[in-house]
PDB file of N, CA and C in Angstrom:
ATOM      1  N   MET A   1      -4.832  -2.519 -33.220  1.00  0.00           N
ATOM      2  CA  MET A   1      -5.370  -1.846 -32.066  1.00  0.00           C
ATOM      3  C   MET A   1      -4.246  -1.552 -31.074  1.00  0.00           C
ATOM      4  N   ASP A   2      -4.203  -0.333 -30.573  1.00  0.00           N
ATOM      5  CA  ASP A   2      -3.192   0.047 -29.591  1.00  0.00           C
ATOM      6  C   ASP A   2      -3.602  -0.429 -28.212  1.00  0.00           C
ATOM      7  N   SER A   3      -2.623  -0.815 -27.419  1.00  0.00           N
ATOM      8  CA  SER A   3      -2.895  -1.187 -26.038  1.00  0.00           C
ATOM      9  C   SER A   3      -1.846  -0.542 -25.141  1.00  0.00           C
ATOM     10  N   CYS A   4      -2.206  -0.345 -23.920  1.00  0.00           N
ATOM     11  CA  CYS A   4      -1.278   0.261 -22.961  1.00  0.00           C
ATOM     12  C   CYS A   4      -0.313  -0.801 -22.458  1.00  0.00           C
ATOM     13  N   ASP A   5       0.939  -0.506 -22.522  1.00  0.00           N
ATOM     14  CA  ASP A   5       1.962  -1.392 -21.996  1.00  0.00           C
ATOM     15  C   ASP A   5       2.277  -0.935 -20.584  1.00  0.00           C
ATOM     16  N   ARG A   6       1.972  -1.763 -19.592  1.00  0.00           N
ATOM     17  CA  ARG A   6       2.121  -1.351 -18.204  1.00  0.00           C
ATOM     18  C   ARG A   6       3.562  -1.049 -17.822  1.00  0.00           C
ATOM     19  N   ARG A   7       4.510  -1.533 -18.580  1.00  0.00           N
ATOM     20  CA  ARG A   7       5.910  -1.308 -18.241  1.00  0.00           C
ATOM     21  C   ARG A   7       6.387   0.079 -18.612  1.00  0.00           C
ATOM     22  N   VAL A   8       5.705   0.749 -19.529  1.00  0.00           N
ATOM     23  CA  VAL A   8       6.201   2.049 -19.973  1.00  0.00           C
ATOM     24  C   VAL A   8       5.266   3.206 -19.638  1.00  0.00           C
ATOM     25  N   ARG A   9       4.067   2.932 -19.191  1.00  0.00           N
ATOM     26  CA  ARG A   9       3.148   4.001 -18.851  1.00  0.00           C
ATOM     27  C   ARG A   9       3.608   4.665 -17.568  1.00  0.00           C
ATOM     28  N   ALA A  10       3.679   5.965 -17.568  1.00  0.00           N
ATOM     29  CA  ALA A  10       4.129   6.693 -16.390  1.00  0.00           C
ATOM     30  C   ALA A  10       2.950   7.002 -15.482  1.00  0.00           C
ATOM     31  N   TYR A  11       3.125   6.712 -14.213  1.00  0.00           N
ATOM     32  CA  TYR A  11       2.157   7.074 -13.201  1.00  0.00           C
ATOM     33  C   TYR A  11       2.671   8.321 -12.499  1.00  0.00           C
ATOM     34  N   LYS A  12       2.192   8.583 -11.304  1.00  0.00           N
ATOM     35  CA  LYS A  12       2.601   9.775 -10.576  1.00  0.00           C
ATOM     36  C   LYS A  12       4.119   9.841 -10.455  1.00  0.00           C
ATOM     37  N   ASN A  13       4.665  11.003 -10.636  1.00  0.00           N
ATOM     38  CA  ASN A  13       6.113  11.260 -10.561  1.00  0.00           C
ATOM     39  C   ASN A  13       6.902  10.497 -11.623  1.00  0.00           C
ATOM     40  N   GLY A  14       6.251  10.088 -12.714  1.00  0.00           N
ATOM     41  CA  GLY A  14       6.944   9.444 -13.828  1.00  0.00           C
ATOM     42  C   GLY A  14       7.380   8.014 -13.573  1.00  0.00           C
ATOM     43  N   LYS A  15       6.845   7.376 -12.550  1.00  0.00           N
ATOM     44  CA  LYS A  15       7.228   5.999 -12.247  1.00  0.00           C
ATOM     45  C   LYS A  15       6.361   5.015 -13.026  1.00  0.00           C
ATOM     46  N   THR A  16       6.948   3.876 -13.353  1.00  0.00           N
ATOM     47  CA  THR A  16       6.198   2.840 -14.060  1.00  0.00           C
ATOM     48  C   THR A  16       5.414   2.001 -13.054  1.00  0.00           C
ATOM     49  N   PHE A  17       4.546   1.172 -13.558  1.00  0.00           N
ATOM     50  CA  PHE A  17       3.735   0.279 -12.739  1.00  0.00           C
ATOM     51  C   PHE A  17       4.624  -0.598 -11.860  1.00  0.00           C
ATOM     52  N   ASP A  18       5.648  -1.188 -12.449  1.00  0.00           N
ATOM     53  CA  ASP A  18       6.538  -2.079 -11.715  1.00  0.00           C
ATOM     54  C   ASP A  18       7.334  -1.329 -10.649  1.00  0.00           C
ATOM     55  N   GLN A  19       7.748  -0.104 -10.937  1.00  0.00           N
ATOM     56  CA  GLN A  19       8.459   0.693  -9.946  1.00  0.00           C
ATOM     57  C   GLN A  19       7.545   1.024  -8.763  1.00  0.00           C
ATOM     58  N   CYS A  20       6.289   1.324  -9.038  1.00  0.00           N
ATOM     59  CA  CYS A  20       5.325   1.609  -7.972  1.00  0.00           C
ATOM     60  C   CYS A  20       5.119   0.373  -7.104  1.00  0.00           C
ATOM     61  N   ARG A  21       5.013  -0.785  -7.729  1.00  0.00           N
ATOM     62  CA  ARG A  21       4.848  -2.038  -6.989  1.00  0.00           C
ATOM     63  C   ARG A  21       6.060  -2.296  -6.097  1.00  0.00           C
ATOM     64  N   ASP A  22       7.253  -2.078  -6.630  1.00  0.00           N
ATOM     65  CA  ASP A  22       8.475  -2.286  -5.850  1.00  0.00           C
ATOM     66  C   ASP A  22       8.578  -1.300  -4.687  1.00  0.00           C
ATOM     67  N   MET A  23       8.163  -0.056  -4.905  1.00  0.00           N
ATOM     68  CA  MET A  23       8.185   0.940  -3.825  1.00  0.00           C
ATOM     69  C   MET A  23       7.241   0.532  -2.705  1.00  0.00           C
ATOM     70  N   ALA A  24       6.061   0.059  -3.056  1.00  0.00           N
ATOM     71  CA  ALA A  24       5.086  -0.369  -2.051  1.00  0.00           C
ATOM     72  C   ALA A  24       5.635  -1.560  -1.266  1.00  0.00           C
ATOM     73  N   GLU A  25       6.251  -2.484  -1.956  1.00  0.00           N
ATOM     74  CA  GLU A  25       6.830  -3.659  -1.301  1.00  0.00           C
ATOM     75  C   GLU A  25       7.935  -3.242  -0.332  1.00  0.00           C
ATOM     76  N   SER A  26       8.731  -2.247  -0.712  1.00  0.00           N
ATOM     77  CA  SER A  26       9.826  -1.813   0.155  1.00  0.00           C
ATOM     78  C   SER A  26       9.331  -1.013   1.364  1.00  0.00           C
ATOM     79  N   MET A  27       8.139  -0.432   1.296  1.00  0.00           N
ATOM     80  CA  MET A  27       7.595   0.337   2.417  1.00  0.00           C
ATOM     81  C   MET A  27       6.886  -0.550   3.439  1.00  0.00           C
ATOM     82  N   ASN A  28       6.509  -1.741   3.069  1.00  0.00           N
ATOM     83  CA  ASN A  28       5.732  -2.603   3.950  1.00  0.00           C
ATOM     84  C   ASN A  28       6.422  -2.940   5.273  1.00  0.00           C
ATOM     85  N   PRO A  29       7.729  -3.191   5.318  1.00  0.00           N
ATOM     86  CA  PRO A  29       8.340  -3.465   6.625  1.00  0.00           C
ATOM     87  C   PRO A  29       8.147  -2.310   7.621  1.00  0.00           C
ATOM     88  N   LYS A  30       8.166  -1.086   7.127  1.00  0.00           N
ATOM     89  CA  LYS A  30       7.959   0.071   8.002  1.00  0.00           C
ATOM     90  C   LYS A  30       6.533   0.072   8.552  1.00  0.00           C
ATOM     91  N   PHE A  31       5.560  -0.231   7.706  1.00  0.00           N
ATOM     92  CA  PHE A  31       4.173  -0.271   8.157  1.00  0.00           C
ATOM     93  C   PHE A  31       3.942  -1.434   9.123  1.00  0.00           C
ATOM     94  N   LYS A  32       4.578  -2.563   8.851  1.00  0.00           N
ATOM     95  CA  LYS A  32       4.447  -3.711   9.747  1.00  0.00           C
ATOM     96  C   LYS A  32       4.997  -3.375  11.131  1.00  0.00           C
ATOM     97  N   LYS A  33       6.106  -2.662  11.173  1.00  0.00           N
ATOM     98  CA  LYS A  33       6.688  -2.258  12.454  1.00  0.00           C
ATOM     99  C   LYS A  33       5.743  -1.318  13.193  1.00  0.00           C
ATOM    100  N   GLN A  34       5.131  -0.379  12.469  1.00  0.00           N
ATOM    101  CA  GLN A  34       4.179   0.537  13.099  1.00  0.00           C
ATOM    102  C   GLN A  34       2.983  -0.225  13.660  1.00  0.00           C
ATOM    103  N   ILE A  35       2.524  -1.232  12.942  1.00  0.00           N
ATOM    104  CA  ILE A  35       1.390  -2.026  13.411  1.00  0.00           C
ATOM    105  C   ILE A  35       1.782  -2.795  14.667  1.00  0.00           C
ATOM    106  N   GLU A  36       2.983  -3.352  14.685  1.00  0.00           N
ATOM    107  CA  GLU A  36       3.460  -4.072  15.859  1.00  0.00           C
ATOM    108  C   GLU A  36       3.579  -3.130  17.063  1.00  0.00           C
ATOM    109  N   ASP A  37       4.070  -1.908  16.840  1.00  0.00           N
ATOM    110  CA  ASP A  37       4.279  -0.961  17.927  1.00  0.00           C
ATOM    111  C   ASP A  37       2.970  -0.363  18.449  1.00  0.00           C
ATOM    112  N   LYS A  38       2.105   0.081  17.539  1.00  0.00           N
ATOM    113  CA  LYS A  38       0.887   0.792  17.932  1.00  0.00           C
ATOM    114  C   LYS A  38      -0.373  -0.068  17.913  1.00  0.00           C
ATOM    115  N   GLY A  39      -0.298  -1.239  17.311  1.00  0.00           N
ATOM    116  CA  GLY A  39      -1.468  -2.106  17.230  1.00  0.00           C
ATOM    117  C   GLY A  39      -2.291  -1.897  15.970  1.00  0.00           C
ATOM    118  N   LYS A  40      -2.142  -0.746  15.339  1.00  0.00           N
ATOM    119  CA  LYS A  40      -2.866  -0.470  14.096  1.00  0.00           C
ATOM    120  C   LYS A  40      -2.232   0.720  13.388  1.00  0.00           C
ATOM    121  N   VAL A  41      -2.540   0.846  12.109  1.00  0.00           N
ATOM    122  CA  VAL A  41      -2.145   2.000  11.301  1.00  0.00           C
ATOM    123  C   VAL A  41      -3.377   2.434  10.523  1.00  0.00           C
ATOM    124  N   LEU A  42      -3.700   3.707  10.573  1.00  0.00           N
ATOM    125  CA  LEU A  42      -4.850   4.225   9.843  1.00  0.00           C
ATOM    126  C   LEU A  42      -4.537   4.341   8.364  1.00  0.00           C
ATOM    127  N   TRP A  43      -5.572   4.196   7.549  1.00  0.00           N
ATOM    128  CA  TRP A  43      -5.390   4.346   6.102  1.00  0.00           C
ATOM    129  C   TRP A  43      -4.843   5.728   5.771  1.00  0.00           C
ATOM    130  N   THR A  44      -5.287   6.750   6.482  1.00  0.00           N
ATOM    131  CA  THR A  44      -4.816   8.112   6.200  1.00  0.00           C
ATOM    132  C   THR A  44      -3.321   8.248   6.470  1.00  0.00           C
ATOM    133  N   GLU A  45      -2.828   7.546   7.483  1.00  0.00           N
ATOM    134  CA  GLU A  45      -1.391   7.579   7.769  1.00  0.00           C
ATOM    135  C   GLU A  45      -0.605   6.942   6.623  1.00  0.00           C
ATOM    136  N   ILE A  46      -1.114   5.838   6.105  1.00  0.00           N
ATOM    137  CA  ILE A  46      -0.443   5.179   4.971  1.00  0.00           C
ATOM    138  C   ILE A  46      -0.457   6.108   3.763  1.00  0.00           C
ATOM    139  N   LEU A  47      -1.595   6.721   3.499  1.00  0.00           N
ATOM    140  CA  LEU A  47      -1.717   7.618   2.348  1.00  0.00           C
ATOM    141  C   LEU A  47      -0.741   8.784   2.451  1.00  0.00           C
ATOM    142  N   GLU A  48      -0.574   9.338   3.641  1.00  0.00           N
ATOM    143  CA  GLU A  48       0.376  10.433   3.830  1.00  0.00           C
ATOM    144  C   GLU A  48       1.809   9.964   3.611  1.00  0.00           C
ATOM    145  N   GLN A  49       2.143   8.777   4.110  1.00  0.00           N
ATOM    146  CA  GLN A  49       3.509   8.287   4.007  1.00  0.00           C
ATOM    147  C   GLN A  49       3.894   7.878   2.593  1.00  0.00           C
ATOM    148  N   VAL A  50       2.910   7.541   1.759  1.00  0.00           N
ATOM    149  CA  VAL A  50       3.223   7.219   0.362  1.00  0.00           C
ATOM    150  C   VAL A  50       3.088   8.457  -0.524  1.00  0.00           C
ATOM    151  N   ASN A  51       2.967   9.599   0.122  1.00  0.00           N
ATOM    152  CA  ASN A  51       2.920  10.888  -0.577  1.00  0.00           C
ATOM    153  C   ASN A  51       1.694  10.991  -1.492  1.00  0.00           C
ATOM    154  N   HIS A  52       0.565  10.490  -1.023  1.00  0.00           N
ATOM    155  CA  HIS A  52      -0.716  10.561  -1.728  1.00  0.00           C
ATOM    156  C   HIS A  52      -0.649   9.975  -3.139  1.00  0.00           C
ATOM    157  N   ASP A  53       0.188   8.957  -3.323  1.00  0.00           N
ATOM    158  CA  ASP A  53       0.269   8.237  -4.588  1.00  0.00           C
ATOM    159  C   ASP A  53      -0.703   7.060  -4.503  1.00  0.00           C
ATOM    160  N   GLU A  54      -1.810   7.146  -5.234  1.00  0.00           N
ATOM    161  CA  GLU A  54      -2.895   6.173  -5.116  1.00  0.00           C
ATOM    162  C   GLU A  54      -2.459   4.748  -5.462  1.00  0.00           C
ATOM    163  N   LEU A  55      -1.643   4.587  -6.480  1.00  0.00           N
ATOM    164  CA  LEU A  55      -1.230   3.251  -6.893  1.00  0.00           C
ATOM    165  C   LEU A  55      -0.364   2.584  -5.819  1.00  0.00           C
ATOM    166  N   ILE A  56       0.585   3.315  -5.270  1.00  0.00           N
ATOM    167  CA  ILE A  56       1.442   2.763  -4.216  1.00  0.00           C
ATOM    168  C   ILE A  56       0.603   2.462  -2.972  1.00  0.00           C
ATOM    169  N   TYR A  57      -0.353   3.335  -2.676  1.00  0.00           N
ATOM    170  CA  TYR A  57      -1.255   3.142  -1.543  1.00  0.00           C
ATOM    171  C   TYR A  57      -2.039   1.835  -1.685  1.00  0.00           C
ATOM    172  N   LYS A  58      -2.591   1.603  -2.859  1.00  0.00           N
ATOM    173  CA  LYS A  58      -3.368   0.383  -3.091  1.00  0.00           C
ATOM    174  C   LYS A  58      -2.484  -0.856  -3.038  1.00  0.00           C
ATOM    175  N   PHE A  59      -1.296  -0.758  -3.605  1.00  0.00           N
ATOM    176  CA  PHE A  59      -0.362  -1.883  -3.537  1.00  0.00           C
ATOM    177  C   PHE A  59       0.018  -2.173  -2.092  1.00  0.00           C
ATOM    178  N   THR A  60       0.250  -1.128  -1.307  1.00  0.00           N
ATOM    179  CA  THR A  60       0.622  -1.305   0.095  1.00  0.00           C
ATOM    180  C   THR A  60      -0.455  -2.071   0.846  1.00  0.00           C
ATOM    181  N   LEU A  61      -1.715  -1.671   0.668  1.00  0.00           N
ATOM    182  CA  LEU A  61      -2.806  -2.385   1.325  1.00  0.00           C
ATOM    183  C   LEU A  61      -2.892  -3.828   0.834  1.00  0.00           C
ATOM    184  N   LYS A  62      -2.706  -4.033  -0.458  1.00  0.00           N
ATOM    185  CA  LYS A  62      -2.760  -5.381  -1.030  1.00  0.00           C
ATOM    186  C   LYS A  62      -1.670  -6.269  -0.426  1.00  0.00           C
ATOM    187  N   PHE A  63      -0.455  -5.734  -0.309  1.00  0.00           N
ATOM    188  CA  PHE A  63       0.651  -6.523   0.221  1.00  0.00           C
ATOM    189  C   PHE A  63       0.484  -6.778   1.717  1.00  0.00           C
ATOM    190  N   LEU A  64      -0.075  -5.824   2.451  1.00  0.00           N
ATOM    191  CA  LEU A  64      -0.330  -6.050   3.875  1.00  0.00           C
ATOM    192  C   LEU A  64      -1.368  -7.148   4.061  1.00  0.00           C
ATOM    193  N   ARG A  65      -2.411  -7.151   3.230  1.00  0.00           N
ATOM    194  CA  ARG A  65      -3.420  -8.212   3.294  1.00  0.00           C
ATOM    195  C   ARG A  65      -2.777  -9.559   2.957  1.00  0.00           C
ATOM    196  N   ARG A  66      -1.933  -9.579   1.933  1.00  0.00           N
ATOM    197  CA  ARG A  66      -1.238 -10.811   1.539  1.00  0.00           C
ATOM    198  C   ARG A  66      -0.389 -11.363   2.683  1.00  0.00           C
ATOM    199  N   ASP A  67       0.199 -10.458   3.475  1.00  0.00           N
ATOM    200  CA  ASP A  67       1.086 -10.856   4.562  1.00  0.00           C
ATOM    201  C   ASP A  67       0.347 -11.164   5.862  1.00  0.00           C
ATOM    202  N   GLY A  68      -0.991 -11.201   5.818  1.00  0.00           N
ATOM    203  CA  GLY A  68      -1.747 -11.654   6.964  1.00  0.00           C
ATOM    204  C   GLY A  68      -2.312 -10.572   7.862  1.00  0.00           C
ATOM    205  N   TYR A  69      -2.424  -9.356   7.373  1.00  0.00           N
ATOM    206  CA  TYR A  69      -2.991  -8.269   8.167  1.00  0.00           C
ATOM    207  C   TYR A  69      -4.428  -7.992   7.743  1.00  0.00           C
ATOM    208  N   ASP A  70      -5.231  -7.537   8.690  1.00  0.00           N
ATOM    209  CA  ASP A  70      -6.606  -7.148   8.429  1.00  0.00           C
ATOM    210  C   ASP A  70      -6.569  -5.696   7.965  1.00  0.00           C
ATOM    211  N   ILE A  71      -6.908  -5.451   6.688  1.00  0.00           N
ATOM    212  CA  ILE A  71      -6.817  -4.088   6.158  1.00  0.00           C
ATOM    213  C   ILE A  71      -8.101  -3.297   6.349  1.00  0.00           C
ATOM    214  N   GLY A  72      -9.072  -3.866   7.026  1.00  0.00           N
ATOM    215  CA  GLY A  72     -10.300  -3.143   7.322  1.00  0.00           C
ATOM    216  C   GLY A  72     -11.222  -3.012   6.128  1.00  0.00           C
ATOM    217  N   ASN A  73     -12.111  -2.013   6.202  1.00  0.00           N
ATOM    218  CA  ASN A  73     -13.053  -1.730   5.127  1.00  0.00           C
ATOM    219  C   ASN A  73     -13.443  -0.258   5.188  1.00  0.00           C
ATOM    220  N   HIS A  74     -14.469   0.127   4.439  1.00  0.00           N
ATOM    221  CA  HIS A  74     -14.813   1.547   4.381  1.00  0.00           C
ATOM    222  C   HIS A  74     -15.348   2.086   5.714  1.00  0.00           C
ATOM    223  N   LYS A  75     -15.793   1.203   6.592  1.00  0.00           N
ATOM    224  CA  LYS A  75     -16.264   1.643   7.912  1.00  0.00           C
ATOM    225  C   LYS A  75     -15.153   1.610   8.957  1.00  0.00           C
ATOM    226  N   ILE A  76     -14.222   0.689   8.799  1.00  0.00           N
ATOM    227  CA  ILE A  76     -13.088   0.557   9.715  1.00  0.00           C
ATOM    228  C   ILE A  76     -11.822   0.765   8.892  1.00  0.00           C
ATOM    229  N   SER A  77     -11.411   2.002   8.770  1.00  0.00           N
ATOM    230  CA  SER A  77     -10.291   2.331   7.871  1.00  0.00           C
ATOM    231  C   SER A  77      -8.964   2.289   8.601  1.00  0.00           C
ATOM    232  N   GLU A  78      -8.581   1.064   8.986  1.00  0.00           N
ATOM    233  CA  GLU A  78      -7.319   0.867   9.671  1.00  0.00           C
ATOM    234  C   GLU A  78      -6.776  -0.525   9.341  1.00  0.00           C
ATOM    235  N   VAL A  79      -5.475  -0.661   9.488  1.00  0.00           N
ATOM    236  CA  VAL A  79      -4.818  -1.945   9.258  1.00  0.00           C
ATOM    237  C   VAL A  79      -4.333  -2.438  10.611  1.00  0.00           C
ATOM    238  N   LYS A  80      -4.638  -3.690  10.921  1.00  0.00           N
ATOM    239  CA  LYS A  80      -4.199  -4.284  12.187  1.00  0.00           C
ATOM    240  C   LYS A  80      -3.966  -5.770  11.986  1.00  0.00           C
ATOM    241  N   LYS A  81      -3.402  -6.404  12.996  1.00  0.00           N
ATOM    242  CA  LYS A  81      -3.177  -7.848  12.928  1.00  0.00           C
ATOM    243  C   LYS A  81      -4.498  -8.562  13.074  1.00  0.00           C
ATOM    244  N   PHE A  82      -4.638  -9.700  12.393  1.00  0.00           N
ATOM    245  CA  PHE A  82      -5.830 -10.517  12.559  1.00  0.00           C
ATOM    246  C   PHE A  82      -5.863 -11.054  13.980  1.00  0.00           C
ATOM    247  N   THR A  83      -7.031 -11.023  14.574  1.00  0.00           N
ATOM    248  CA  THR A  83      -7.202 -11.619  15.896  1.00  0.00           C
ATOM    249  C   THR A  83      -8.121 -12.823  15.749  1.00  0.00           C
ATOM    250  N   LEU A  84      -7.732 -13.895  16.348  1.00  0.00           N
ATOM    251  CA  LEU A  84      -8.525 -15.120  16.239  1.00  0.00           C
ATOM    252  C   LEU A  84      -9.446 -15.311  17.397  1.00  0.00           C
TER     253      LEU A  84
END
């Protein structure tokens, strides 16, 4: 049975899964700075900055959540710092 090898499958612009993950990780400091400066970043702003690449967009949100940010939901489509 054939299976997809995530290391060689090309996503948007011919990048592999791991390359997309690394790109998202490298973009996170920029998004964190925007959140610190403006208080929040809209999902649409993130999508535009990742050039409408869905995989990088999802990784970016995942990594922001991992780093302690509130990534919102379908009703509140923004990323901001958690408030206690």
